[in-house]
Amino acid sequence: MPARELQEQLNTLREQLEQNPPLTTEEREHLQELMLKIDAQIKLEAASPDTSLADGVNLAVERFELEHPALAATLRNIMQTLGNIGI
């Protein structure tokens, strides 16, 4: 089930953030906000898709790709799963 896969990827992202990578306060807050939106979307999977969520995750991938490749890879996986569930 894609929602379950998305939840697992979200958990991976949380674990990576708990390892305290060198992020600015703004970067950390941005990721926290995205994680809240993803979590809310998982809970509302049957509701209408939120395309702004996918856009936000995509922007985060671009933002973190060079300096934080592990975070960017996890975010890419989240993007893929969002696409698989039609978001």
N, C-alpha and C. Protein backbone atom coordinates (compact mmCIF):
# COMPACT_ATOMS: atom_id res chain seq x y z
N MET A 1 0.84 -1.17 0.00
CA MET A 1 0.00 0.00 0.00
C MET A 1 0.90 1.25 0.00
N PRO A 2 0.68 2.15 -0.95
CA PRO A 2 1.54 3.33 -1.05
C PRO A 2 1.53 4.21 0.20
N ALA A 3 0.41 4.35 0.89
CA ALA A 3 0.37 5.19 2.08
C ALA A 3 1.29 4.62 3.16
N ARG A 4 1.34 3.31 3.26
CA ARG A 4 2.23 2.67 4.24
C ARG A 4 3.68 2.94 3.87
N GLU A 5 3.99 2.83 2.59
CA GLU A 5 5.35 3.10 2.12
C GLU A 5 5.72 4.56 2.40
N LEU A 6 4.78 5.46 2.16
CA LEU A 6 5.01 6.88 2.42
C LEU A 6 5.26 7.11 3.91
N GLN A 7 4.51 6.44 4.77
CA GLN A 7 4.71 6.57 6.22
C GLN A 7 6.10 6.08 6.61
N GLU A 8 6.55 4.98 6.01
CA GLU A 8 7.87 4.45 6.32
C GLU A 8 8.96 5.44 5.89
N GLN A 9 8.77 6.05 4.72
CA GLN A 9 9.75 7.03 4.24
C GLN A 9 9.75 8.27 5.13
N LEU A 10 8.58 8.67 5.58
CA LEU A 10 8.47 9.80 6.49
C LEU A 10 9.19 9.49 7.80
N ASN A 11 9.05 8.27 8.27
CA ASN A 11 9.76 7.85 9.49
C ASN A 11 11.27 7.89 9.28
N THR A 12 11.73 7.47 8.09
CA THR A 12 13.15 7.53 7.77
C THR A 12 13.65 8.96 7.80
N LEU A 13 12.87 9.88 7.23
CA LEU A 13 13.24 11.29 7.24
C LEU A 13 13.33 11.81 8.68
N ARG A 14 12.38 11.43 9.51
CA ARG A 14 12.41 11.84 10.92
C ARG A 14 13.67 11.33 11.62
N GLU A 15 14.02 10.06 11.34
CA GLU A 15 15.23 9.48 11.95
C GLU A 15 16.48 10.22 11.49
N GLN A 16 16.52 10.59 10.21
CA GLN A 16 17.67 11.34 9.71
C GLN A 16 17.77 12.70 10.40
N LEU A 17 16.65 13.35 10.61
CA LEU A 17 16.67 14.65 11.28
C LEU A 17 17.06 14.53 12.74
N GLU A 18 16.74 13.40 13.37
CA GLU A 18 17.12 13.19 14.77
C GLU A 18 18.63 13.06 14.92
N GLN A 19 19.31 12.74 13.84
CA GLN A 19 20.77 12.63 13.88
C GLN A 19 21.43 14.01 13.80
N ASN A 20 20.60 15.05 13.80
CA ASN A 20 21.05 16.44 13.82
C ASN A 20 22.04 16.79 12.72
N PRO A 21 21.62 16.63 11.45
CA PRO A 21 22.50 17.08 10.37
C PRO A 21 22.66 18.59 10.47
N PRO A 22 23.73 19.12 9.90
CA PRO A 22 23.97 20.57 10.02
C PRO A 22 22.99 21.39 9.18
N LEU A 23 21.82 21.62 9.73
CA LEU A 23 20.79 22.40 9.06
C LEU A 23 20.59 23.72 9.79
N THR A 24 20.19 24.72 9.03
CA THR A 24 19.84 25.98 9.67
C THR A 24 18.48 25.81 10.34
N THR A 25 18.14 26.73 11.21
CA THR A 25 16.83 26.69 11.86
C THR A 25 15.74 26.77 10.80
N GLU A 26 15.93 27.61 9.80
CA GLU A 26 14.94 27.76 8.73
C GLU A 26 14.77 26.45 7.95
N GLU A 27 15.87 25.78 7.63
CA GLU A 27 15.79 24.51 6.90
C GLU A 27 15.06 23.45 7.73
N ARG A 28 15.40 23.38 9.00
CA ARG A 28 14.77 22.40 9.88
C ARG A 28 13.26 22.68 10.01
N GLU A 29 12.89 23.95 10.16
CA GLU A 29 11.47 24.30 10.26
C GLU A 29 10.74 23.98 8.96
N HIS A 30 11.40 24.21 7.83
CA HIS A 30 10.79 23.91 6.53
C HIS A 30 10.50 22.41 6.42
N LEU A 31 11.47 21.59 6.81
CA LEU A 31 11.26 20.14 6.76
C LEU A 31 10.19 19.70 7.74
N GLN A 32 10.16 20.29 8.92
CA GLN A 32 9.13 19.94 9.91
C GLN A 32 7.74 20.25 9.36
N GLU A 33 7.61 21.39 8.71
CA GLU A 33 6.33 21.78 8.12
C GLU A 33 5.91 20.80 7.02
N LEU A 34 6.87 20.42 6.17
CA LEU A 34 6.58 19.45 5.12
C LEU A 34 6.15 18.11 5.71
N MET A 35 6.84 17.69 6.76
CA MET A 35 6.50 16.41 7.38
C MET A 35 5.09 16.44 7.97
N LEU A 36 4.70 17.57 8.54
CA LEU A 36 3.33 17.69 9.07
C LEU A 36 2.31 17.59 7.94
N LYS A 37 2.61 18.24 6.81
CA LYS A 37 1.70 18.20 5.67
C LYS A 37 1.60 16.78 5.10
N ILE A 38 2.73 16.10 5.01
CA ILE A 38 2.74 14.72 4.51
C ILE A 38 1.94 13.82 5.44
N ASP A 39 2.17 13.99 6.73
CA ASP A 39 1.45 13.19 7.73
C ASP A 39 -0.06 13.43 7.61
N ALA A 40 -0.45 14.68 7.44
CA ALA A 40 -1.88 14.99 7.28
C ALA A 40 -2.44 14.37 6.01
N GLN A 41 -1.65 14.37 4.94
CA GLN A 41 -2.12 13.79 3.68
C GLN A 41 -2.29 12.28 3.80
N ILE A 42 -1.40 11.65 4.53
CA ILE A 42 -1.53 10.21 4.75
C ILE A 42 -2.87 9.91 5.42
N LYS A 43 -3.21 10.73 6.40
CA LYS A 43 -4.46 10.53 7.13
C LYS A 43 -5.68 10.80 6.26
N LEU A 44 -5.50 11.62 5.24
CA LEU A 44 -6.62 11.98 4.36
C LEU A 44 -6.44 11.39 2.96
N GLU A 45 -5.83 10.23 2.88
CA GLU A 45 -5.48 9.63 1.59
C GLU A 45 -6.67 9.56 0.64
N ALA A 46 -7.83 9.30 1.15
CA ALA A 46 -9.00 9.17 0.29
C ALA A 46 -9.55 10.51 -0.17
N ALA A 47 -9.12 11.58 0.49
CA ALA A 47 -9.60 12.91 0.13
C ALA A 47 -8.94 13.39 -1.16
N SER A 48 -9.33 14.55 -1.62
CA SER A 48 -8.76 15.08 -2.86
C SER A 48 -7.27 15.35 -2.68
N PRO A 49 -6.49 15.09 -3.72
CA PRO A 49 -5.04 15.26 -3.62
C PRO A 49 -4.64 16.73 -3.43
N ASP A 50 -3.54 16.92 -2.72
CA ASP A 50 -3.01 18.25 -2.47
C ASP A 50 -1.74 18.42 -3.29
N THR A 51 -1.85 19.05 -4.46
CA THR A 51 -0.70 19.19 -5.35
C THR A 51 0.36 20.11 -4.76
N SER A 52 -0.02 21.01 -3.87
CA SER A 52 0.98 21.89 -3.27
C SER A 52 1.95 21.10 -2.39
N LEU A 53 1.49 19.98 -1.85
CA LEU A 53 2.37 19.12 -1.05
C LEU A 53 3.48 18.57 -1.92
N ALA A 54 3.13 18.03 -3.08
CA ALA A 54 4.13 17.48 -3.99
C ALA A 54 5.10 18.57 -4.43
N ASP A 55 4.58 19.74 -4.71
CA ASP A 55 5.43 20.87 -5.10
C ASP A 55 6.40 21.23 -3.98
N GLY A 56 5.91 21.25 -2.76
CA GLY A 56 6.75 21.58 -1.61
C GLY A 56 7.86 20.56 -1.40
N VAL A 57 7.54 19.30 -1.56
CA VAL A 57 8.55 18.25 -1.40
C VAL A 57 9.58 18.38 -2.51
N ASN A 58 9.12 18.64 -3.72
CA ASN A 58 10.03 18.79 -4.86
C ASN A 58 11.00 19.96 -4.63
N LEU A 59 10.49 21.06 -4.13
CA LEU A 59 11.35 22.21 -3.83
C LEU A 59 12.36 21.86 -2.74
N ALA A 60 11.93 21.08 -1.76
CA ALA A 60 12.84 20.67 -0.69
C ALA A 60 13.96 19.78 -1.24
N VAL A 61 13.63 18.91 -2.19
CA VAL A 61 14.66 18.06 -2.82
C VAL A 61 15.72 18.96 -3.45
N GLU A 62 15.27 19.93 -4.21
CA GLU A 62 16.21 20.84 -4.87
C GLU A 62 17.05 21.61 -3.85
N ARG A 63 16.42 22.01 -2.78
CA ARG A 63 17.10 22.82 -1.76
C ARG A 63 18.20 22.03 -1.04
N PHE A 64 17.94 20.76 -0.75
CA PHE A 64 18.86 19.97 0.08
C PHE A 64 19.77 19.05 -0.72
N GLU A 65 19.60 19.00 -2.03
CA GLU A 65 20.31 18.02 -2.85
C GLU A 65 21.83 18.10 -2.72
N LEU A 66 22.40 19.27 -2.76
CA LEU A 66 23.86 19.39 -2.74
C LEU A 66 24.47 19.21 -1.36
N GLU A 67 23.90 19.85 -0.36
CA GLU A 67 24.51 19.83 0.96
C GLU A 67 24.05 18.68 1.84
N HIS A 68 22.88 18.13 1.56
CA HIS A 68 22.33 17.05 2.39
C HIS A 68 21.74 15.97 1.48
N PRO A 69 22.60 15.22 0.77
CA PRO A 69 22.11 14.24 -0.21
C PRO A 69 21.25 13.12 0.39
N ALA A 70 21.50 12.73 1.62
CA ALA A 70 20.68 11.67 2.23
C ALA A 70 19.26 12.16 2.45
N LEU A 71 19.12 13.40 2.94
CA LEU A 71 17.78 13.97 3.10
C LEU A 71 17.09 14.10 1.75
N ALA A 72 17.82 14.55 0.74
CA ALA A 72 17.25 14.73 -0.59
C ALA A 72 16.80 13.39 -1.17
N ALA A 73 17.57 12.34 -0.94
CA ALA A 73 17.19 11.01 -1.44
C ALA A 73 15.90 10.53 -0.79
N THR A 74 15.78 10.73 0.51
CA THR A 74 14.56 10.34 1.20
C THR A 74 13.37 11.16 0.69
N LEU A 75 13.60 12.44 0.49
CA LEU A 75 12.53 13.30 -0.05
C LEU A 75 12.14 12.87 -1.46
N ARG A 76 13.12 12.44 -2.27
CA ARG A 76 12.80 11.93 -3.62
C ARG A 76 11.92 10.68 -3.53
N ASN A 77 12.23 9.81 -2.58
CA ASN A 77 11.41 8.62 -2.39
C ASN A 77 9.98 9.01 -2.00
N ILE A 78 9.87 10.02 -1.17
CA ILE A 78 8.55 10.51 -0.77
C ILE A 78 7.82 11.06 -1.98
N MET A 79 8.53 11.80 -2.84
CA MET A 79 7.92 12.33 -4.08
C MET A 79 7.38 11.19 -4.93
N GLN A 80 8.17 10.15 -5.08
CA GLN A 80 7.76 9.00 -5.89
C GLN A 80 6.50 8.36 -5.32
N THR A 81 6.48 8.18 -4.02
CA THR A 81 5.32 7.56 -3.38
C THR A 81 4.09 8.46 -3.50
N LEU A 82 4.28 9.77 -3.35
CA LEU A 82 3.16 10.69 -3.54
C LEU A 82 2.59 10.56 -4.95
N GLY A 83 3.48 10.45 -5.92
CA GLY A 83 3.04 10.25 -7.30
C GLY A 83 2.29 8.96 -7.48
N ASN A 84 2.76 7.90 -6.83
CA ASN A 84 2.11 6.59 -6.92
C ASN A 84 0.70 6.59 -6.35
N ILE A 85 0.46 7.46 -5.35
CA ILE A 85 -0.88 7.49 -4.77
C ILE A 85 -1.71 8.62 -5.35
N GLY A 86 -1.17 9.24 -6.41
CA GLY A 86 -1.96 10.23 -7.15
C GLY A 86 -1.94 11.63 -6.59
N ILE A 87 -0.89 11.94 -5.86
CA ILE A 87 -0.79 13.30 -5.29
C ILE A 87 0.25 14.08 -6.07
